[in-house]
Amino acid sequence: MNFDNIKNQFLNIINSNQTNRAKVCATISLSWMIFIGYLTWWNGLKSFALDKSFRWDEWFWFGVVPAIAPYLFYFIWKNKKNSKSTNHYKD
């Protein structure tokens, strides 16, 4: 994928007809990942160990997984019969 294609997909997501609730949830998740990334970076700088690098595993488990888990649970447990999407498997 080139940069223009990624940019167009990002703009379509932002400009789409999403509810305010979906936008708020996405904003909270993104903010959580950024905040945990900052704390992970700060914790790495202030550690007494010689390795002051960013701890990617810590950021993944405490930042990304908790931010994505609610969406996974929603996808698993949503009521497929009342959904407007027609992409679901036939019952």
PDB file of N, CA and C in Angstrom:
ATOM      1  N   MET A   1       0.842  -1.185   0.000  1.00  0.00           N
ATOM      2  CA  MET A   1       0.000   0.000   0.000  1.00  0.00           C
ATOM      3  C   MET A   1       0.883   1.244   0.000  1.00  0.00           C
ATOM      4  N   ASN A   2       0.491   2.192  -0.790  1.00  0.00           N
ATOM      5  CA  ASN A   2       1.246   3.434  -0.794  1.00  0.00           C
ATOM      6  C   ASN A   2       0.619   4.433   0.177  1.00  0.00           C
ATOM      7  N   PHE A   3       1.293   5.539   0.353  1.00  0.00           N
ATOM      8  CA  PHE A   3       0.862   6.523   1.344  1.00  0.00           C
ATOM      9  C   PHE A   3      -0.493   7.134   0.994  1.00  0.00           C
ATOM     10  N   ASP A   4      -0.758   7.385  -0.291  1.00  0.00           N
ATOM     11  CA  ASP A   4      -2.041   7.979  -0.689  1.00  0.00           C
ATOM     12  C   ASP A   4      -3.207   7.047  -0.387  1.00  0.00           C
ATOM     13  N   ASN A   5      -3.017   5.759  -0.587  1.00  0.00           N
ATOM     14  CA  ASN A   5      -4.068   4.797  -0.298  1.00  0.00           C
ATOM     15  C   ASN A   5      -4.354   4.741   1.201  1.00  0.00           C
ATOM     16  N   ILE A   6      -3.315   4.742   2.000  1.00  0.00           N
ATOM     17  CA  ILE A   6      -3.484   4.734   3.456  1.00  0.00           C
ATOM     18  C   ILE A   6      -4.166   6.016   3.911  1.00  0.00           C
ATOM     19  N   LYS A   7      -3.755   7.141   3.333  1.00  0.00           N
ATOM     20  CA  LYS A   7      -4.359   8.421   3.693  1.00  0.00           C
ATOM     21  C   LYS A   7      -5.842   8.445   3.335  1.00  0.00           C
ATOM     22  N   ASN A   8      -6.211   7.932   2.171  1.00  0.00           N
ATOM     23  CA  ASN A   8      -7.618   7.903   1.763  1.00  0.00           C
ATOM     24  C   ASN A   8      -8.446   7.003   2.665  1.00  0.00           C
ATOM     25  N   GLN A   9      -7.896   5.856   3.071  1.00  0.00           N
ATOM     26  CA  GLN A   9      -8.617   4.973   3.987  1.00  0.00           C
ATOM     27  C   GLN A   9      -8.802   5.632   5.346  1.00  0.00           C
ATOM     28  N   PHE A  10      -7.777   6.321   5.818  1.00  0.00           N
ATOM     29  CA  PHE A  10      -7.873   7.017   7.099  1.00  0.00           C
ATOM     30  C   PHE A  10      -8.926   8.121   7.037  1.00  0.00           C
ATOM     31  N   LEU A  11      -8.953   8.878   5.946  1.00  0.00           N
ATOM     32  CA  LEU A  11      -9.945   9.945   5.794  1.00  0.00           C
ATOM     33  C   LEU A  11     -11.353   9.385   5.667  1.00  0.00           C
ATOM     34  N   ASN A  12     -11.517   8.234   5.025  1.00  0.00           N
ATOM     35  CA  ASN A  12     -12.832   7.603   4.937  1.00  0.00           C
ATOM     36  C   ASN A  12     -13.330   7.163   6.303  1.00  0.00           C
ATOM     37  N   ILE A  13     -12.425   6.675   7.132  1.00  0.00           N
ATOM     38  CA  ILE A  13     -12.815   6.267   8.486  1.00  0.00           C
ATOM     39  C   ILE A  13     -13.244   7.477   9.299  1.00  0.00           C
ATOM     40  N   ILE A  14     -12.499   8.562   9.188  1.00  0.00           N
ATOM     41  CA  ILE A  14     -12.812   9.761   9.964  1.00  0.00           C
ATOM     42  C   ILE A  14     -14.110  10.405   9.490  1.00  0.00           C
ATOM     43  N   ASN A  15     -14.322  10.462   8.186  1.00  0.00           N
ATOM     44  CA  ASN A  15     -15.480  11.154   7.632  1.00  0.00           C
ATOM     45  C   ASN A  15     -16.715  10.276   7.507  1.00  0.00           C
ATOM     46  N   SER A  16     -16.638   9.029   7.887  1.00  0.00           N
ATOM     47  CA  SER A  16     -17.777   8.131   7.742  1.00  0.00           C
ATOM     48  C   SER A  16     -18.859   8.464   8.758  1.00  0.00           C
ATOM     49  N   ASN A  17     -19.996   7.852   8.588  1.00  0.00           N
ATOM     50  CA  ASN A  17     -21.139   8.091   9.458  1.00  0.00           C
ATOM     51  C   ASN A  17     -21.052   7.223  10.705  1.00  0.00           C
ATOM     52  N   GLN A  18     -20.102   7.497  11.536  1.00  0.00           N
ATOM     53  CA  GLN A  18     -19.984   6.784  12.798  1.00  0.00           C
ATOM     54  C   GLN A  18     -20.758   7.550  13.862  1.00  0.00           C
ATOM     55  N   THR A  19     -21.249   6.832  14.826  1.00  0.00           N
ATOM     56  CA  THR A  19     -21.940   7.490  15.919  1.00  0.00           C
ATOM     57  C   THR A  19     -20.925   8.164  16.828  1.00  0.00           C
ATOM     58  N   ASN A  20     -21.418   9.083  17.623  1.00  0.00           N
ATOM     59  CA  ASN A  20     -20.526   9.754  18.571  1.00  0.00           C
ATOM     60  C   ASN A  20     -19.945   8.763  19.566  1.00  0.00           C
ATOM     61  N   ARG A  21     -20.724   7.750  19.914  1.00  0.00           N
ATOM     62  CA  ARG A  21     -20.241   6.752  20.865  1.00  0.00           C
ATOM     63  C   ARG A  21     -19.038   5.996  20.299  1.00  0.00           C
ATOM     64  N   ALA A  22     -19.092   5.641  19.021  1.00  0.00           N
ATOM     65  CA  ALA A  22     -17.970   4.937  18.393  1.00  0.00           C
ATOM     66  C   ALA A  22     -16.741   5.830  18.327  1.00  0.00           C
ATOM     67  N   LYS A  23     -16.943   7.106  18.035  1.00  0.00           N
ATOM     68  CA  LYS A  23     -15.814   8.035  17.976  1.00  0.00           C
ATOM     69  C   LYS A  23     -15.196   8.233  19.353  1.00  0.00           C
ATOM     70  N   VAL A  24     -16.031   8.308  20.380  1.00  0.00           N
ATOM     71  CA  VAL A  24     -15.530   8.471  21.747  1.00  0.00           C
ATOM     72  C   VAL A  24     -14.752   7.229  22.169  1.00  0.00           C
ATOM     73  N   CYS A  25     -15.269   6.053  21.869  1.00  0.00           N
ATOM     74  CA  CYS A  25     -14.573   4.811  22.227  1.00  0.00           C
ATOM     75  C   CYS A  25     -13.233   4.695  21.511  1.00  0.00           C
ATOM     76  N   ALA A  26     -13.205   5.045  20.238  1.00  0.00           N
ATOM     77  CA  ALA A  26     -11.945   4.991  19.492  1.00  0.00           C
ATOM     78  C   ALA A  26     -10.944   6.005  20.038  1.00  0.00           C
ATOM     79  N   THR A  27     -11.429   7.192  20.413  1.00  0.00           N
ATOM     80  CA  THR A  27     -10.550   8.216  20.979  1.00  0.00           C
ATOM     81  C   THR A  27      -9.989   7.775  22.323  1.00  0.00           C
ATOM     82  N   ILE A  28     -10.823   7.174  23.146  1.00  0.00           N
ATOM     83  CA  ILE A  28     -10.366   6.689  24.454  1.00  0.00           C
ATOM     84  C   ILE A  28      -9.315   5.591  24.272  1.00  0.00           C
ATOM     85  N   SER A  29      -9.538   4.681  23.342  1.00  0.00           N
ATOM     86  CA  SER A  29      -8.575   3.599  23.108  1.00  0.00           C
ATOM     87  C   SER A  29      -7.242   4.135  22.611  1.00  0.00           C
ATOM     88  N   LEU A  30      -7.290   5.057  21.663  1.00  0.00           N
ATOM     89  CA  LEU A  30      -6.054   5.632  21.140  1.00  0.00           C
ATOM     90  C   LEU A  30      -5.330   6.433  22.217  1.00  0.00           C
ATOM     91  N   SER A  31      -6.081   7.194  23.008  1.00  0.00           N
ATOM     92  CA  SER A  31      -5.477   7.961  24.102  1.00  0.00           C
ATOM     93  C   SER A  31      -4.835   7.037  25.129  1.00  0.00           C
ATOM     94  N   TRP A  32      -5.491   5.924  25.429  1.00  0.00           N
ATOM     95  CA  TRP A  32      -4.944   4.959  26.379  1.00  0.00           C
ATOM     96  C   TRP A  32      -3.608   4.411  25.880  1.00  0.00           C
ATOM     97  N   MET A  33      -3.549   4.032  24.596  1.00  0.00           N
ATOM     98  CA  MET A  33      -2.300   3.483  24.054  1.00  0.00           C
ATOM     99  C   MET A  33      -1.181   4.520  24.074  1.00  0.00           C
ATOM    100  N   ILE A  34      -1.500   5.773  23.760  1.00  0.00           N
ATOM    101  CA  ILE A  34      -0.484   6.832  23.789  1.00  0.00           C
ATOM    102  C   ILE A  34      -0.028   7.095  25.216  1.00  0.00           C
ATOM    103  N   PHE A  35      -0.969   7.150  26.164  1.00  0.00           N
ATOM    104  CA  PHE A  35      -0.634   7.405  27.566  1.00  0.00           C
ATOM    105  C   PHE A  35       0.235   6.287  28.140  1.00  0.00           C
ATOM    106  N   ILE A  36      -0.130   5.040  27.878  1.00  0.00           N
ATOM    107  CA  ILE A  36       0.663   3.912  28.372  1.00  0.00           C
ATOM    108  C   ILE A  36       2.029   3.886  27.690  1.00  0.00           C
ATOM    109  N   GLY A  37       2.087   4.269  26.421  1.00  0.00           N
ATOM    110  CA  GLY A  37       3.375   4.373  25.736  1.00  0.00           C
ATOM    111  C   GLY A  37       4.270   5.406  26.390  1.00  0.00           C
ATOM    112  N   TYR A  38       3.684   6.542  26.773  1.00  0.00           N
ATOM    113  CA  TYR A  38       4.458   7.575  27.470  1.00  0.00           C
ATOM    114  C   TYR A  38       4.956   7.060  28.819  1.00  0.00           C
ATOM    115  N   LEU A  39       4.073   6.411  29.580  1.00  0.00           N
ATOM    116  CA  LEU A  39       4.487   5.882  30.886  1.00  0.00           C
ATOM    117  C   LEU A  39       5.568   4.810  30.737  1.00  0.00           C
ATOM    118  N   THR A  40       5.456   3.980  29.712  1.00  0.00           N
ATOM    119  CA  THR A  40       6.471   2.953  29.466  1.00  0.00           C
ATOM    120  C   THR A  40       7.808   3.591  29.125  1.00  0.00           C
ATOM    121  N   TRP A  41       7.776   4.613  28.288  1.00  0.00           N
ATOM    122  CA  TRP A  41       8.999   5.327  27.923  1.00  0.00           C
ATOM    123  C   TRP A  41       9.616   5.989  29.154  1.00  0.00           C
ATOM    124  N   TRP A  42       8.791   6.666  29.970  1.00  0.00           N
ATOM    125  CA  TRP A  42       9.279   7.349  31.165  1.00  0.00           C
ATOM    126  C   TRP A  42       9.836   6.349  32.173  1.00  0.00           C
ATOM    127  N   ASN A  43       9.162   5.219  32.339  1.00  0.00           N
ATOM    128  CA  ASN A  43       9.623   4.180  33.248  1.00  0.00           C
ATOM    129  C   ASN A  43      10.967   3.621  32.790  1.00  0.00           C
ATOM    130  N   GLY A  44      11.146   3.484  31.485  1.00  0.00           N
ATOM    131  CA  GLY A  44      12.427   3.013  30.956  1.00  0.00           C
ATOM    132  C   GLY A  44      13.546   4.000  31.204  1.00  0.00           C
ATOM    133  N   LEU A  45      13.247   5.292  31.096  1.00  0.00           N
ATOM    134  CA  LEU A  45      14.275   6.307  31.343  1.00  0.00           C
ATOM    135  C   LEU A  45      14.677   6.380  32.808  1.00  0.00           C
ATOM    136  N   LYS A  46      13.726   6.174  33.696  1.00  0.00           N
ATOM    137  CA  LYS A  46      13.986   6.304  35.130  1.00  0.00           C
ATOM    138  C   LYS A  46      14.433   5.006  35.798  1.00  0.00           C
ATOM    139  N   SER A  47      14.551   3.922  35.038  1.00  0.00           N
ATOM    140  CA  SER A  47      14.949   2.656  35.659  1.00  0.00           C
ATOM    141  C   SER A  47      16.428   2.697  36.038  1.00  0.00           C
ATOM    142  N   PHE A  48      16.782   1.890  37.021  1.00  0.00           N
ATOM    143  CA  PHE A  48      18.160   1.825  37.492  1.00  0.00           C
ATOM    144  C   PHE A  48      19.014   0.907  36.624  1.00  0.00           C
ATOM    145  N   ALA A  49      18.384   0.171  35.735  1.00  0.00           N
ATOM    146  CA  ALA A  49      19.129  -0.747  34.862  1.00  0.00           C
ATOM    147  C   ALA A  49      19.909   0.040  33.813  1.00  0.00           C
ATOM    148  N   LEU A  50      20.878  -0.611  33.226  1.00  0.00           N
ATOM    149  CA  LEU A  50      21.675   0.040  32.191  1.00  0.00           C
ATOM    150  C   LEU A  50      20.908   0.179  30.879  1.00  0.00           C
ATOM    151  N   ASP A  51      19.945  -0.694  30.659  1.00  0.00           N
ATOM    152  CA  ASP A  51      19.151  -0.656  29.432  1.00  0.00           C
ATOM    153  C   ASP A  51      18.039   0.382  29.582  1.00  0.00           C
ATOM    154  N   LYS A  52      18.138   1.477  28.866  1.00  0.00           N
ATOM    155  CA  LYS A  52      17.148   2.560  28.947  1.00  0.00           C
ATOM    156  C   LYS A  52      16.218   2.572  27.738  1.00  0.00           C
ATOM    157  N   SER A  53      16.138   1.463  27.030  1.00  0.00           N
ATOM    158  CA  SER A  53      15.344   1.429  25.802  1.00  0.00           C
ATOM    159  C   SER A  53      13.853   1.295  26.115  1.00  0.00           C
ATOM    160  N   PHE A  54      13.058   1.528  25.094  1.00  0.00           N
ATOM    161  CA  PHE A  54      11.603   1.413  25.213  1.00  0.00           C
ATOM    162  C   PHE A  54      11.228  -0.049  25.344  1.00  0.00           C
ATOM    163  N   ARG A  55      10.375  -0.361  26.279  1.00  0.00           N
ATOM    164  CA  ARG A  55       9.968  -1.743  26.525  1.00  0.00           C
ATOM    165  C   ARG A  55       8.698  -2.040  25.724  1.00  0.00           C
ATOM    166  N   TRP A  56       8.879  -2.585  24.526  1.00  0.00           N
ATOM    167  CA  TRP A  56       7.758  -2.836  23.627  1.00  0.00           C
ATOM    168  C   TRP A  56       6.810  -3.881  24.183  1.00  0.00           C
ATOM    169  N   ASP A  57       7.330  -4.901  24.854  1.00  0.00           N
ATOM    170  CA  ASP A  57       6.451  -5.934  25.396  1.00  0.00           C
ATOM    171  C   ASP A  57       5.554  -5.372  26.488  1.00  0.00           C
ATOM    172  N   GLU A  58       6.090  -4.498  27.311  1.00  0.00           N
ATOM    173  CA  GLU A  58       5.297  -3.875  28.364  1.00  0.00           C
ATOM    174  C   GLU A  58       4.198  -2.989  27.766  1.00  0.00           C
ATOM    175  N   TRP A  59       4.538  -2.237  26.732  1.00  0.00           N
ATOM    176  CA  TRP A  59       3.552  -1.379  26.078  1.00  0.00           C
ATOM    177  C   TRP A  59       2.467  -2.211  25.401  1.00  0.00           C
ATOM    178  N   PHE A  60       2.868  -3.334  24.797  1.00  0.00           N
ATOM    179  CA  PHE A  60       1.886  -4.182  24.126  1.00  0.00           C
ATOM    180  C   PHE A  60       0.887  -4.752  25.123  1.00  0.00           C
ATOM    181  N   TRP A  61       1.376  -5.317  26.248  1.00  0.00           N
ATOM    182  CA  TRP A  61       0.487  -5.987  27.188  1.00  0.00           C
ATOM    183  C   TRP A  61      -0.327  -5.023  28.040  1.00  0.00           C
ATOM    184  N   PHE A  62       0.208  -3.843  28.339  1.00  0.00           N
ATOM    185  CA  PHE A  62      -0.525  -2.903  29.183  1.00  0.00           C
ATOM    186  C   PHE A  62      -1.176  -1.771  28.398  1.00  0.00           C
ATOM    187  N   GLY A  63      -0.820  -1.597  27.136  1.00  0.00           N
ATOM    188  CA  GLY A  63      -1.385  -0.520  26.337  1.00  0.00           C
ATOM    189  C   GLY A  63      -2.280  -0.992  25.222  1.00  0.00           C
ATOM    190  N   VAL A  64      -1.764  -1.877  24.382  1.00  0.00           N
ATOM    191  CA  VAL A  64      -2.511  -2.291  23.197  1.00  0.00           C
ATOM    192  C   VAL A  64      -3.600  -3.302  23.537  1.00  0.00           C
ATOM    193  N   VAL A  65      -3.271  -4.321  24.292  1.00  0.00           N
ATOM    194  CA  VAL A  65      -4.245  -5.373  24.599  1.00  0.00           C
ATOM    195  C   VAL A  65      -5.463  -4.826  25.348  1.00  0.00           C
ATOM    196  N   PRO A  66      -5.303  -4.019  26.414  1.00  0.00           N
ATOM    197  CA  PRO A  66      -6.501  -3.478  27.067  1.00  0.00           C
ATOM    198  C   PRO A  66      -7.296  -2.516  26.187  1.00  0.00           C
ATOM    199  N   ALA A  67      -6.648  -1.864  25.235  1.00  0.00           N
ATOM    200  CA  ALA A  67      -7.361  -0.936  24.362  1.00  0.00           C
ATOM    201  C   ALA A  67      -8.147  -1.668  23.277  1.00  0.00           C
ATOM    202  N   ILE A  68      -7.686  -2.835  22.856  1.00  0.00           N
ATOM    203  CA  ILE A  68      -8.346  -3.571  21.782  1.00  0.00           C
ATOM    204  C   ILE A  68      -9.340  -4.603  22.320  1.00  0.00           C
ATOM    205  N   ALA A  69      -9.162  -5.066  23.537  1.00  0.00           N
ATOM    206  CA  ALA A  69     -10.005  -6.122  24.099  1.00  0.00           C
ATOM    207  C   ALA A  69     -11.501  -5.794  24.076  1.00  0.00           C
ATOM    208  N   PRO A  70     -11.948  -4.581  24.421  1.00  0.00           N
ATOM    209  CA  PRO A  70     -13.397  -4.317  24.357  1.00  0.00           C
ATOM    210  C   PRO A  70     -13.979  -4.477  22.954  1.00  0.00           C
ATOM    211  N   TYR A  71     -13.215  -4.114  21.932  1.00  0.00           N
ATOM    212  CA  TYR A  71     -13.696  -4.269  20.563  1.00  0.00           C
ATOM    213  C   TYR A  71     -13.801  -5.740  20.182  1.00  0.00           C
ATOM    214  N   LEU A  72     -12.860  -6.545  20.654  1.00  0.00           N
ATOM    215  CA  LEU A  72     -12.927  -7.979  20.385  1.00  0.00           C
ATOM    216  C   LEU A  72     -14.142  -8.603  21.064  1.00  0.00           C
ATOM    217  N   PHE A  73     -14.388  -8.225  22.321  1.00  0.00           N
ATOM    218  CA  PHE A  73     -15.568  -8.738  23.018  1.00  0.00           C
ATOM    219  C   PHE A  73     -16.855  -8.287  22.335  1.00  0.00           C
ATOM    220  N   TYR A  74     -16.896  -7.051  21.870  1.00  0.00           N
ATOM    221  CA  TYR A  74     -18.084  -6.564  21.167  1.00  0.00           C
ATOM    222  C   TYR A  74     -18.302  -7.355  19.883  1.00  0.00           C
ATOM    223  N   PHE A  75     -17.230  -7.591  19.133  1.00  0.00           N
ATOM    224  CA  PHE A  75     -17.350  -8.335  17.887  1.00  0.00           C
ATOM    225  C   PHE A  75     -17.831  -9.762  18.141  1.00  0.00           C
ATOM    226  N   ILE A  76     -17.362 -10.389  19.200  1.00  0.00           N
ATOM    227  CA  ILE A  76     -17.752 -11.760  19.508  1.00  0.00           C
ATOM    228  C   ILE A  76     -19.201 -11.826  19.982  1.00  0.00           C
ATOM    229  N   TRP A  77     -19.621 -10.884  20.838  1.00  0.00           N
ATOM    230  CA  TRP A  77     -20.909 -10.979  21.495  1.00  0.00           C
ATOM    231  C   TRP A  77     -22.018 -10.150  20.865  1.00  0.00           C
ATOM    232  N   LYS A  78     -21.749  -9.412  19.784  1.00  0.00           N
ATOM    233  CA  LYS A  78     -22.807  -8.567  19.219  1.00  0.00           C
ATOM    234  C   LYS A  78     -23.914  -9.423  18.619  1.00  0.00           C
ATOM    235  N   ASN A  79     -25.118  -8.862  18.610  1.00  0.00           N
ATOM    236  CA  ASN A  79     -26.282  -9.550  18.092  1.00  0.00           C
ATOM    237  C   ASN A  79     -26.248  -9.469  16.568  1.00  0.00           C
ATOM    238  N   LYS A  80     -25.987 -10.564  15.918  1.00  0.00           N
ATOM    239  CA  LYS A  80     -25.801 -10.555  14.472  1.00  0.00           C
ATOM    240  C   LYS A  80     -27.118 -10.424  13.716  1.00  0.00           C
ATOM    241  N   LYS A  81     -28.229 -10.797  14.308  1.00  0.00           N
ATOM    242  CA  LYS A  81     -29.517 -10.702  13.617  1.00  0.00           C
ATOM    243  C   LYS A  81     -29.994  -9.261  13.500  1.00  0.00           C
ATOM    244  N   ASN A  82     -29.661  -8.412  14.466  1.00  0.00           N
ATOM    245  CA  ASN A  82     -30.101  -7.025  14.442  1.00  0.00           C
ATOM    246  C   ASN A  82     -29.087  -6.097  13.800  1.00  0.00           C
ATOM    247  N   SER A  83     -27.986  -6.620  13.345  1.00  0.00           N
ATOM    248  CA  SER A  83     -26.935  -5.808  12.747  1.00  0.00           C
ATOM    249  C   SER A  83     -27.326  -5.399  11.330  1.00  0.00           C
ATOM    250  N   LYS A  84     -26.923  -4.193  10.923  1.00  0.00           N
ATOM    251  CA  LYS A  84     -27.242  -3.695   9.586  1.00  0.00           C
ATOM    252  C   LYS A  84     -26.310  -4.259   8.527  1.00  0.00           C
ATOM    253  N   SER A  85     -25.199  -4.785   8.928  1.00  0.00           N
ATOM    254  CA  SER A  85     -24.229  -5.329   7.986  1.00  0.00           C
ATOM    255  C   SER A  85     -24.716  -6.667   7.440  1.00  0.00           C
ATOM    256  N   THR A  86     -24.457  -6.924   6.180  1.00  0.00           N
ATOM    257  CA  THR A  86     -24.865  -8.193   5.571  1.00  0.00           C
ATOM    258  C   THR A  86     -23.680  -9.119   5.363  1.00  0.00           C
ATOM    259  N   ASN A  87     -22.592  -8.860   6.043  1.00  0.00           N
ATOM    260  CA  ASN A  87     -21.374  -9.641   5.870  1.00  0.00           C
ATOM    261  C   ASN A  87     -21.302 -10.875   6.753  1.00  0.00           C
ATOM    262  N   HIS A  88     -22.314 -11.153   7.528  1.00  0.00           N
ATOM    263  CA  HIS A  88     -22.231 -12.230   8.507  1.00  0.00           C
ATOM    264  C   HIS A  88     -22.504 -13.581   7.858  1.00  0.00           C
ATOM    265  N   TYR A  89     -22.060 -14.604   8.533  1.00  0.00           N
ATOM    266  CA  TYR A  89     -22.329 -15.952   8.066  1.00  0.00           C
ATOM    267  C   TYR A  89     -23.820 -16.226   8.154  1.00  0.00           C
ATOM    268  N   LYS A  90     -24.300 -17.077   7.275  1.00  0.00           N
ATOM    269  CA  LYS A  90     -25.721 -17.418   7.303  1.00  0.00           C
ATOM    270  C   LYS A  90     -25.985 -18.319   8.494  1.00  0.00           C
ATOM    271  N   ASP A  91     -27.123 -18.085   9.130  1.00  0.00           N
ATOM    272  CA  ASP A  91     -27.488 -18.895  10.308  1.00  0.00           C
ATOM    273  C   ASP A  91     -28.065 -20.220   9.888  1.00  0.00           C
TER     274      ASP A  91
END
